Amino acid sequence: MGMTAQDRQKLAEKLAGMSYKKARKEVRRLDDNADLRLWRVSVGDDEWHTTYVLPNLEVKVVLVEKAAFEDQGAKVKVDWFYTEARVDDYS
């Protein structure tokens, strides 16, 4: 019952248009067996990934947050912003 490439792209665009919190809720709503694999894992210097596996849909969803750095003299302030969703085949 996997998703086609077009369906995955459409889902990624839908999730990207939501807030981070709403996107997480939507992912869990899509599949009763949704499995949170990684939560806000650092990838490089400026990305956090939250990864879900949706076994019934045979997809992996990665919610991506990017860092915005602000120099405050001796300190550097970092704010994280949800920027995109990636939906890949997972069979």
PDB file of N, CA and C in Angstrom:
ATOM      1  N   MET A   1       0.827  -1.200   0.000  1.00  0.00           N
ATOM      2  CA  MET A   1       0.000   0.000   0.000  1.00  0.00           C
ATOM      3  C   MET A   1       0.862   1.251   0.000  1.00  0.00           C
ATOM      4  N   GLY A   2       2.080   1.168  -0.464  1.00  0.00           N
ATOM      5  CA  GLY A   2       3.000   2.306  -0.467  1.00  0.00           C
ATOM      6  C   GLY A   2       2.466   3.502  -1.238  1.00  0.00           C
ATOM      7  N   MET A   3       3.098   4.607  -1.012  1.00  0.00           N
ATOM      8  CA  MET A   3       2.704   5.848  -1.675  1.00  0.00           C
ATOM      9  C   MET A   3       3.527   6.030  -2.943  1.00  0.00           C
ATOM     10  N   THR A   4       2.930   6.652  -3.947  1.00  0.00           N
ATOM     11  CA  THR A   4       3.662   6.965  -5.166  1.00  0.00           C
ATOM     12  C   THR A   4       4.539   8.185  -4.907  1.00  0.00           C
ATOM     13  N   ALA A   5       5.454   8.429  -5.815  1.00  0.00           N
ATOM     14  CA  ALA A   5       6.347   9.588  -5.684  1.00  0.00           C
ATOM     15  C   ALA A   5       5.539  10.885  -5.651  1.00  0.00           C
ATOM     16  N   GLN A   6       4.486  10.945  -6.439  1.00  0.00           N
ATOM     17  CA  GLN A   6       3.642  12.135  -6.478  1.00  0.00           C
ATOM     18  C   GLN A   6       2.916  12.328  -5.136  1.00  0.00           C
ATOM     19  N   ASP A   7       2.430  11.236  -4.555  1.00  0.00           N
ATOM     20  CA  ASP A   7       1.762  11.308  -3.257  1.00  0.00           C
ATOM     21  C   ASP A   7       2.729  11.753  -2.163  1.00  0.00           C
ATOM     22  N   ARG A   8       3.965  11.236  -2.230  1.00  0.00           N
ATOM     23  CA  ARG A   8       4.970  11.632  -1.237  1.00  0.00           C
ATOM     24  C   ARG A   8       5.297  13.110  -1.347  1.00  0.00           C
ATOM     25  N   GLN A   9       5.425  13.603  -2.573  1.00  0.00           N
ATOM     26  CA  GLN A   9       5.713  15.020  -2.786  1.00  0.00           C
ATOM     27  C   GLN A   9       4.558  15.887  -2.270  1.00  0.00           C
ATOM     28  N   LYS A  10       3.355  15.474  -2.547  1.00  0.00           N
ATOM     29  CA  LYS A  10       2.169  16.214  -2.101  1.00  0.00           C
ATOM     30  C   LYS A  10       2.106  16.256  -0.568  1.00  0.00           C
ATOM     31  N   LEU A  11       2.402  15.127   0.084  1.00  0.00           N
ATOM     32  CA  LEU A  11       2.417  15.082   1.543  1.00  0.00           C
ATOM     33  C   LEU A  11       3.515  15.974   2.105  1.00  0.00           C
ATOM     34  N   ALA A  12       4.690  15.958   1.497  1.00  0.00           N
ATOM     35  CA  ALA A  12       5.796  16.812   1.958  1.00  0.00           C
ATOM     36  C   ALA A  12       5.414  18.286   1.876  1.00  0.00           C
ATOM     37  N   GLU A  13       4.769  18.685   0.798  1.00  0.00           N
ATOM     38  CA  GLU A  13       4.346  20.076   0.640  1.00  0.00           C
ATOM     39  C   GLU A  13       3.280  20.451   1.670  1.00  0.00           C
ATOM     40  N   LYS A  14       2.364  19.525   1.921  1.00  0.00           N
ATOM     41  CA  LYS A  14       1.309  19.773   2.917  1.00  0.00           C
ATOM     42  C   LYS A  14       1.917  19.967   4.301  1.00  0.00           C
ATOM     43  N   LEU A  15       2.844  19.077   4.683  1.00  0.00           N
ATOM     44  CA  LEU A  15       3.478  19.172   5.997  1.00  0.00           C
ATOM     45  C   LEU A  15       4.345  20.424   6.121  1.00  0.00           C
ATOM     46  N   ALA A  16       5.009  20.803   5.033  1.00  0.00           N
ATOM     47  CA  ALA A  16       5.869  21.993   5.061  1.00  0.00           C
ATOM     48  C   ALA A  16       5.059  23.268   5.278  1.00  0.00           C
ATOM     49  N   GLY A  17       3.795  23.251   4.885  1.00  0.00           N
ATOM     50  CA  GLY A  17       2.938  24.414   5.047  1.00  0.00           C
ATOM     51  C   GLY A  17       2.365  24.571   6.449  1.00  0.00           C
ATOM     52  N   MET A  18       2.626  23.600   7.302  1.00  0.00           N
ATOM     53  CA  MET A  18       2.101  23.623   8.674  1.00  0.00           C
ATOM     54  C   MET A  18       3.181  24.100   9.646  1.00  0.00           C
ATOM     55  N   SER A  19       2.761  24.358  10.869  1.00  0.00           N
ATOM     56  CA  SER A  19       3.730  24.616  11.923  1.00  0.00           C
ATOM     57  C   SER A  19       4.357  23.277  12.319  1.00  0.00           C
ATOM     58  N   TYR A  20       5.466  23.324  13.032  1.00  0.00           N
ATOM     59  CA  TYR A  20       6.151  22.100  13.459  1.00  0.00           C
ATOM     60  C   TYR A  20       5.228  21.222  14.300  1.00  0.00           C
ATOM     61  N   LYS A  21       4.543  21.833  15.238  1.00  0.00           N
ATOM     62  CA  LYS A  21       3.658  21.088  16.136  1.00  0.00           C
ATOM     63  C   LYS A  21       2.512  20.428  15.355  1.00  0.00           C
ATOM     64  N   LYS A  22       1.907  21.160  14.442  1.00  0.00           N
ATOM     65  CA  LYS A  22       0.804  20.601  13.653  1.00  0.00           C
ATOM     66  C   LYS A  22       1.297  19.509  12.703  1.00  0.00           C
ATOM     67  N   ALA A  23       2.500  19.681  12.164  1.00  0.00           N
ATOM     68  CA  ALA A  23       3.051  18.669  11.266  1.00  0.00           C
ATOM     69  C   ALA A  23       3.295  17.369  12.028  1.00  0.00           C
ATOM     70  N   ARG A  24       3.816  17.453  13.255  1.00  0.00           N
ATOM     71  CA  ARG A  24       4.025  16.247  14.067  1.00  0.00           C
ATOM     72  C   ARG A  24       2.695  15.547  14.342  1.00  0.00           C
ATOM     73  N   LYS A  25       1.664  16.311  14.679  1.00  0.00           N
ATOM     74  CA  LYS A  25       0.351  15.718  14.931  1.00  0.00           C
ATOM     75  C   LYS A  25      -0.200  15.062  13.674  1.00  0.00           C
ATOM     76  N   GLU A  26      -0.024  15.706  12.540  1.00  0.00           N
ATOM     77  CA  GLU A  26      -0.534  15.169  11.276  1.00  0.00           C
ATOM     78  C   GLU A  26       0.168  13.854  10.919  1.00  0.00           C
ATOM     79  N   VAL A  27       1.469  13.794  11.124  1.00  0.00           N
ATOM     80  CA  VAL A  27       2.218  12.571  10.828  1.00  0.00           C
ATOM     81  C   VAL A  27       1.704  11.420  11.689  1.00  0.00           C
ATOM     82  N   ARG A  28       1.500  11.674  12.964  1.00  0.00           N
ATOM     83  CA  ARG A  28       1.008  10.618  13.856  1.00  0.00           C
ATOM     84  C   ARG A  28      -0.423  10.220  13.513  1.00  0.00           C
ATOM     85  N   ARG A  29      -1.207  11.162  13.004  1.00  0.00           N
ATOM     86  CA  ARG A  29      -2.584  10.881  12.620  1.00  0.00           C
ATOM     87  C   ARG A  29      -2.661  10.023  11.350  1.00  0.00           C
ATOM     88  N   LEU A  30      -1.689  10.165  10.472  1.00  0.00           N
ATOM     89  CA  LEU A  30      -1.693   9.447   9.198  1.00  0.00           C
ATOM     90  C   LEU A  30      -1.570   7.936   9.349  1.00  0.00           C
ATOM     91  N   ASP A  31      -0.862   7.494  10.396  1.00  0.00           N
ATOM     92  CA  ASP A  31      -0.616   6.067  10.570  1.00  0.00           C
ATOM     93  C   ASP A  31      -0.673   5.734  12.061  1.00  0.00           C
ATOM     94  N   ASP A  32      -1.577   4.830  12.426  1.00  0.00           N
ATOM     95  CA  ASP A  32      -1.710   4.435  13.834  1.00  0.00           C
ATOM     96  C   ASP A  32      -0.428   3.820  14.381  1.00  0.00           C
ATOM     97  N   ASN A  33       0.391   3.257  13.509  1.00  0.00           N
ATOM     98  CA  ASN A  33       1.639   2.625  13.927  1.00  0.00           C
ATOM     99  C   ASN A  33       2.857   3.520  13.702  1.00  0.00           C
ATOM    100  N   ALA A  34       2.644   4.827  13.572  1.00  0.00           N
ATOM    101  CA  ALA A  34       3.759   5.756  13.355  1.00  0.00           C
ATOM    102  C   ALA A  34       4.777   5.600  14.477  1.00  0.00           C
ATOM    103  N   ASP A  35       6.039   5.547  14.083  1.00  0.00           N
ATOM    104  CA  ASP A  35       7.127   5.301  15.021  1.00  0.00           C
ATOM    105  C   ASP A  35       8.108   6.473  14.986  1.00  0.00           C
ATOM    106  N   LEU A  36       8.238   7.168  16.109  1.00  0.00           N
ATOM    107  CA  LEU A  36       9.208   8.257  16.220  1.00  0.00           C
ATOM    108  C   LEU A  36      10.589   7.627  16.350  1.00  0.00           C
ATOM    109  N   ARG A  37      11.431   7.780  15.333  1.00  0.00           N
ATOM    110  CA  ARG A  37      12.761   7.172  15.350  1.00  0.00           C
ATOM    111  C   ARG A  37      13.810   8.126  15.909  1.00  0.00           C
ATOM    112  N   LEU A  38      13.775   9.373  15.480  1.00  0.00           N
ATOM    113  CA  LEU A  38      14.750  10.364  15.932  1.00  0.00           C
ATOM    114  C   LEU A  38      14.012  11.654  16.266  1.00  0.00           C
ATOM    115  N   TRP A  39      14.372  12.270  17.381  1.00  0.00           N
ATOM    116  CA  TRP A  39      13.726  13.525  17.746  1.00  0.00           C
ATOM    117  C   TRP A  39      14.781  14.606  17.886  1.00  0.00           C
ATOM    118  N   ARG A  40      14.706  15.567  17.014  1.00  0.00           N
ATOM    119  CA  ARG A  40      15.593  16.724  17.005  1.00  0.00           C
ATOM    120  C   ARG A  40      17.066  16.343  17.104  1.00  0.00           C
ATOM    121  N   VAL A  41      17.474  15.506  16.180  1.00  0.00           N
ATOM    122  CA  VAL A  41      18.866  15.077  16.096  1.00  0.00           C
ATOM    123  C   VAL A  41      19.622  16.079  15.223  1.00  0.00           C
ATOM    124  N   SER A  42      20.771  16.510  15.713  1.00  0.00           N
ATOM    125  CA  SER A  42      21.572  17.484  14.993  1.00  0.00           C
ATOM    126  C   SER A  42      22.201  16.857  13.753  1.00  0.00           C
ATOM    127  N   VAL A  43      22.037  17.544  12.633  1.00  0.00           N
ATOM    128  CA  VAL A  43      22.652  17.123  11.383  1.00  0.00           C
ATOM    129  C   VAL A  43      23.450  18.325  10.876  1.00  0.00           C
ATOM    130  N   GLY A  44      24.748  18.218  10.937  1.00  0.00           N
ATOM    131  CA  GLY A  44      25.586  19.360  10.582  1.00  0.00           C
ATOM    132  C   GLY A  44      25.513  20.417  11.671  1.00  0.00           C
ATOM    133  N   ASP A  45      25.822  21.641  11.304  1.00  0.00           N
ATOM    134  CA  ASP A  45      25.839  22.735  12.271  1.00  0.00           C
ATOM    135  C   ASP A  45      24.511  23.464  12.382  1.00  0.00           C
ATOM    136  N   ASP A  46      23.654  23.279  11.393  1.00  0.00           N
ATOM    137  CA  ASP A  46      22.480  24.152  11.369  1.00  0.00           C
ATOM    138  C   ASP A  46      21.163  23.447  11.073  1.00  0.00           C
ATOM    139  N   GLU A  47      21.086  22.126  11.284  1.00  0.00           N
ATOM    140  CA  GLU A  47      19.826  21.420  11.051  1.00  0.00           C
ATOM    141  C   GLU A  47      19.519  20.458  12.188  1.00  0.00           C
ATOM    142  N   TRP A  48      18.241  20.374  12.519  1.00  0.00           N
ATOM    143  CA  TRP A  48      17.720  19.352  13.410  1.00  0.00           C
ATOM    144  C   TRP A  48      16.731  18.535  12.608  1.00  0.00           C
ATOM    145  N   HIS A  49      16.759  17.206  12.766  1.00  0.00           N
ATOM    146  CA  HIS A  49      15.817  16.327  12.079  1.00  0.00           C
ATOM    147  C   HIS A  49      14.987  15.563  13.099  1.00  0.00           C
ATOM    148  N   THR A  50      13.687  15.527  12.862  1.00  0.00           N
ATOM    149  CA  THR A  50      12.779  14.658  13.595  1.00  0.00           C
ATOM    150  C   THR A  50      12.258  13.662  12.574  1.00  0.00           C
ATOM    151  N   THR A  51      12.485  12.377  12.826  1.00  0.00           N
ATOM    152  CA  THR A  51      12.177  11.350  11.838  1.00  0.00           C
ATOM    153  C   THR A  51      11.114  10.384  12.350  1.00  0.00           C
ATOM    154  N   TYR A  52      10.107  10.172  11.527  1.00  0.00           N
ATOM    155  CA  TYR A  52       9.052   9.196  11.801  1.00  0.00           C
ATOM    156  C   TYR A  52       9.067   8.145  10.704  1.00  0.00           C
ATOM    157  N   VAL A  53       8.782   6.906  11.086  1.00  0.00           N
ATOM    158  CA  VAL A  53       8.557   5.836  10.106  1.00  0.00           C
ATOM    159  C   VAL A  53       7.080   5.486  10.180  1.00  0.00           C
ATOM    160  N   LEU A  54       6.427   5.493   9.019  1.00  0.00           N
ATOM    161  CA  LEU A  54       5.018   5.147   8.928  1.00  0.00           C
ATOM    162  C   LEU A  54       4.927   3.813   8.175  1.00  0.00           C
ATOM    163  N   PRO A  55       4.926   2.701   8.916  1.00  0.00           N
ATOM    164  CA  PRO A  55       5.005   1.388   8.259  1.00  0.00           C
ATOM    165  C   PRO A  55       3.801   1.045   7.384  1.00  0.00           C
ATOM    166  N   ASN A  56       2.620   1.492   7.745  1.00  0.00           N
ATOM    167  CA  ASN A  56       1.435   1.172   6.941  1.00  0.00           C
ATOM    168  C   ASN A  56       1.443   1.901   5.603  1.00  0.00           C
ATOM    169  N   LEU A  57       2.071   3.067   5.554  1.00  0.00           N
ATOM    170  CA  LEU A  57       2.172   3.815   4.300  1.00  0.00           C
ATOM    171  C   LEU A  57       3.507   3.572   3.604  1.00  0.00           C
ATOM    172  N   GLU A  58       4.410   2.869   4.284  1.00  0.00           N
ATOM    173  CA  GLU A  58       5.736   2.543   3.762  1.00  0.00           C
ATOM    174  C   GLU A  58       6.541   3.786   3.407  1.00  0.00           C
ATOM    175  N   VAL A  59       6.503   4.785   4.301  1.00  0.00           N
ATOM    176  CA  VAL A  59       7.272   6.003   4.085  1.00  0.00           C
ATOM    177  C   VAL A  59       8.001   6.407   5.367  1.00  0.00           C
ATOM    178  N   LYS A  60       9.034   7.226   5.177  1.00  0.00           N
ATOM    179  CA  LYS A  60       9.775   7.839   6.268  1.00  0.00           C
ATOM    180  C   LYS A  60       9.594   9.344   6.114  1.00  0.00           C
ATOM    181  N   VAL A  61       9.206  10.013   7.194  1.00  0.00           N
ATOM    182  CA  VAL A  61       8.989  11.453   7.161  1.00  0.00           C
ATOM    183  C   VAL A  61      10.043  12.120   8.034  1.00  0.00           C
ATOM    184  N   VAL A  62      10.741  13.097   7.461  1.00  0.00           N
ATOM    185  CA  VAL A  62      11.748  13.856   8.195  1.00  0.00           C
ATOM    186  C   VAL A  62      11.294  15.305   8.243  1.00  0.00           C
ATOM    187  N   LEU A  63      11.096  15.809   9.462  1.00  0.00           N
ATOM    188  CA  LEU A  63      10.755  17.218   9.656  1.00  0.00           C
ATOM    189  C   LEU A  63      12.060  17.952   9.938  1.00  0.00           C
ATOM    190  N   VAL A  64      12.345  18.988   9.165  1.00  0.00           N
ATOM    191  CA  VAL A  64      13.633  19.674   9.229  1.00  0.00           C
ATOM    192  C   VAL A  64      13.474  21.054   9.851  1.00  0.00           C
ATOM    193  N   GLU A  65      14.309  21.304  10.867  1.00  0.00           N
ATOM    194  CA  GLU A  65      14.383  22.626  11.480  1.00  0.00           C
ATOM    195  C   GLU A  65      15.770  23.193  11.204  1.00  0.00           C
ATOM    196  N   LYS A  66      15.835  24.482  10.875  1.00  0.00           N
ATOM    197  CA  LYS A  66      17.108  25.150  10.576  1.00  0.00           C
ATOM    198  C   LYS A  66      17.392  26.196  11.635  1.00  0.00           C
ATOM    199  N   ALA A  67      18.676  26.437  11.841  1.00  0.00           N
ATOM    200  CA  ALA A  67      19.126  27.393  12.848  1.00  0.00           C
ATOM    201  C   ALA A  67      19.268  28.784  12.247  1.00  0.00           C
ATOM    202  N   ALA A  68      18.942  29.773  13.076  1.00  0.00           N
ATOM    203  CA  ALA A  68      19.204  31.177  12.740  1.00  0.00           C
ATOM    204  C   ALA A  68      20.085  31.714  13.867  1.00  0.00           C
ATOM    205  N   PHE A  69      21.312  32.083  13.518  1.00  0.00           N
ATOM    206  CA  PHE A  69      22.281  32.535  14.506  1.00  0.00           C
ATOM    207  C   PHE A  69      22.256  34.046  14.628  1.00  0.00           C
ATOM    208  N   GLU A  70      22.346  34.529  15.868  1.00  0.00           N
ATOM    209  CA  GLU A  70      22.378  35.975  16.121  1.00  0.00           C
ATOM    210  C   GLU A  70      23.526  36.250  17.090  1.00  0.00           C
ATOM    211  N   ASP A  71      24.500  37.013  16.612  1.00  0.00           N
ATOM    212  CA  ASP A  71      25.665  37.339  17.431  1.00  0.00           C
ATOM    213  C   ASP A  71      25.286  38.398  18.453  1.00  0.00           C
ATOM    214  N   GLN A  72      25.517  38.089  19.724  1.00  0.00           N
ATOM    215  CA  GLN A  72      25.203  39.029  20.809  1.00  0.00           C
ATOM    216  C   GLN A  72      26.462  39.316  21.618  1.00  0.00           C
ATOM    217  N   GLY A  73      27.511  39.703  20.936  1.00  0.00           N
ATOM    218  CA  GLY A  73      28.772  39.991  21.611  1.00  0.00           C
ATOM    219  C   GLY A  73      29.473  38.716  22.004  1.00  0.00           C
ATOM    220  N   ALA A  74      29.564  38.447  23.309  1.00  0.00           N
ATOM    221  CA  ALA A  74      30.245  37.250  23.804  1.00  0.00           C
ATOM    222  C   ALA A  74      29.403  35.996  23.615  1.00  0.00           C
ATOM    223  N   LYS A  75      28.119  36.154  23.339  1.00  0.00           N
ATOM    224  CA  LYS A  75      27.219  35.020  23.168  1.00  0.00           C
ATOM    225  C   LYS A  75      26.698  34.962  21.733  1.00  0.00           C
ATOM    226  N   VAL A  76      26.265  33.786  21.358  1.00  0.00           N
ATOM    227  CA  VAL A  76      25.582  33.611  20.078  1.00  0.00           C
ATOM    228  C   VAL A  76      24.233  32.992  20.383  1.00  0.00           C
ATOM    229  N   LYS A  77      23.173  33.708  20.003  1.00  0.00           N
ATOM    230  CA  LYS A  77      21.818  33.201  20.221  1.00  0.00           C
ATOM    231  C   LYS A  77      21.405  32.380  18.994  1.00  0.00           C
ATOM    232  N   VAL A  78      20.792  31.229  19.256  1.00  0.00           N
ATOM    233  CA  VAL A  78      20.347  30.358  18.166  1.00  0.00           C
ATOM    234  C   VAL A  78      18.849  30.129  18.309  1.00  0.00           C
ATOM    235  N   ASP A  79      18.117  30.417  17.258  1.00  0.00           N
ATOM    236  CA  ASP A  79      16.688  30.119  17.189  1.00  0.00           C
ATOM    237  C   ASP A  79      16.498  29.072  16.102  1.00  0.00           C
ATOM    238  N   TRP A  80      15.590  28.135  16.356  1.00  0.00           N
ATOM    239  CA  TRP A  80      15.325  27.059  15.405  1.00  0.00           C
ATOM    240  C   TRP A  80      13.967  27.271  14.759  1.00  0.00           C
ATOM    241  N   PHE A  81      13.921  27.112  13.427  1.00  0.00           N
ATOM    242  CA  PHE A  81      12.695  27.319  12.663  1.00  0.00           C
ATOM    243  C   PHE A  81      12.414  26.109  11.790  1.00  0.00           C
ATOM    244  N   TYR A  82      11.177  25.626  11.859  1.00  0.00           N
ATOM    245  CA  TYR A  82      10.741  24.513  11.015  1.00  0.00           C
ATOM    246  C   TYR A  82      10.668  25.019   9.589  1.00  0.00           C
ATOM    247  N   THR A  83      11.388  24.348   8.673  1.00  0.00           N
ATOM    248  CA  THR A  83      11.467  24.852   7.313  1.00  0.00           C
ATOM    249  C   THR A  83      10.906  23.917   6.243  1.00  0.00           C
ATOM    250  N   GLU A  84      11.027  22.604   6.448  1.00  0.00           N
ATOM    251  CA  GLU A  84      10.577  21.705   5.386  1.00  0.00           C
ATOM    252  C   GLU A  84      10.293  20.313   5.928  1.00  0.00           C
ATOM    253  N   ALA A  85       9.639  19.533   5.084  1.00  0.00           N
ATOM    254  CA  ALA A  85       9.395  18.120   5.380  1.00  0.00           C
ATOM    255  C   ALA A  85       9.899  17.309   4.189  1.00  0.00           C
ATOM    256  N   ARG A  86      10.495  16.181   4.505  1.00  0.00           N
ATOM    257  CA  ARG A  86      10.959  15.270   3.460  1.00  0.00           C
ATOM    258  C   ARG A  86      10.259  13.931   3.645  1.00  0.00           C
ATOM    259  N   VAL A  87       9.684  13.418   2.584  1.00  0.00           N
ATOM    260  CA  VAL A  87       8.974  12.145   2.649  1.00  0.00           C
ATOM    261  C   VAL A  87       9.648  11.199   1.660  1.00  0.00           C
ATOM    262  N   ASP A  88      10.204  10.115   2.202  1.00  0.00           N
ATOM    263  CA  ASP A  88      10.940   9.146   1.375  1.00  0.00           C
ATOM    264  C   ASP A  88      10.307   7.771   1.492  1.00  0.00           C
ATOM    265  N   ASP A  89      10.558   6.956   0.480  1.00  0.00           N
ATOM    266  CA  ASP A  89      10.079   5.569   0.481  1.00  0.00           C
ATOM    267  C   ASP A  89      10.811   4.800   1.568  1.00  0.00           C
ATOM    268  N   TYR A  90      10.078   3.943   2.277  1.00  0.00           N
ATOM    269  CA  TYR A  90      10.661   3.148   3.350  1.00  0.00           C
ATOM    270  C   TYR A  90      10.008   1.778   3.336  1.00  0.00           C
ATOM    271  N   SER A  91      10.546   0.905   2.506  1.00  0.00           N
ATOM    272  CA  SER A  91       9.930  -0.426   2.417  1.00  0.00           C
ATOM    273  C   SER A  91      10.915  -1.514   2.759  1.00  0.00           C
TER     274      SER A  91
END
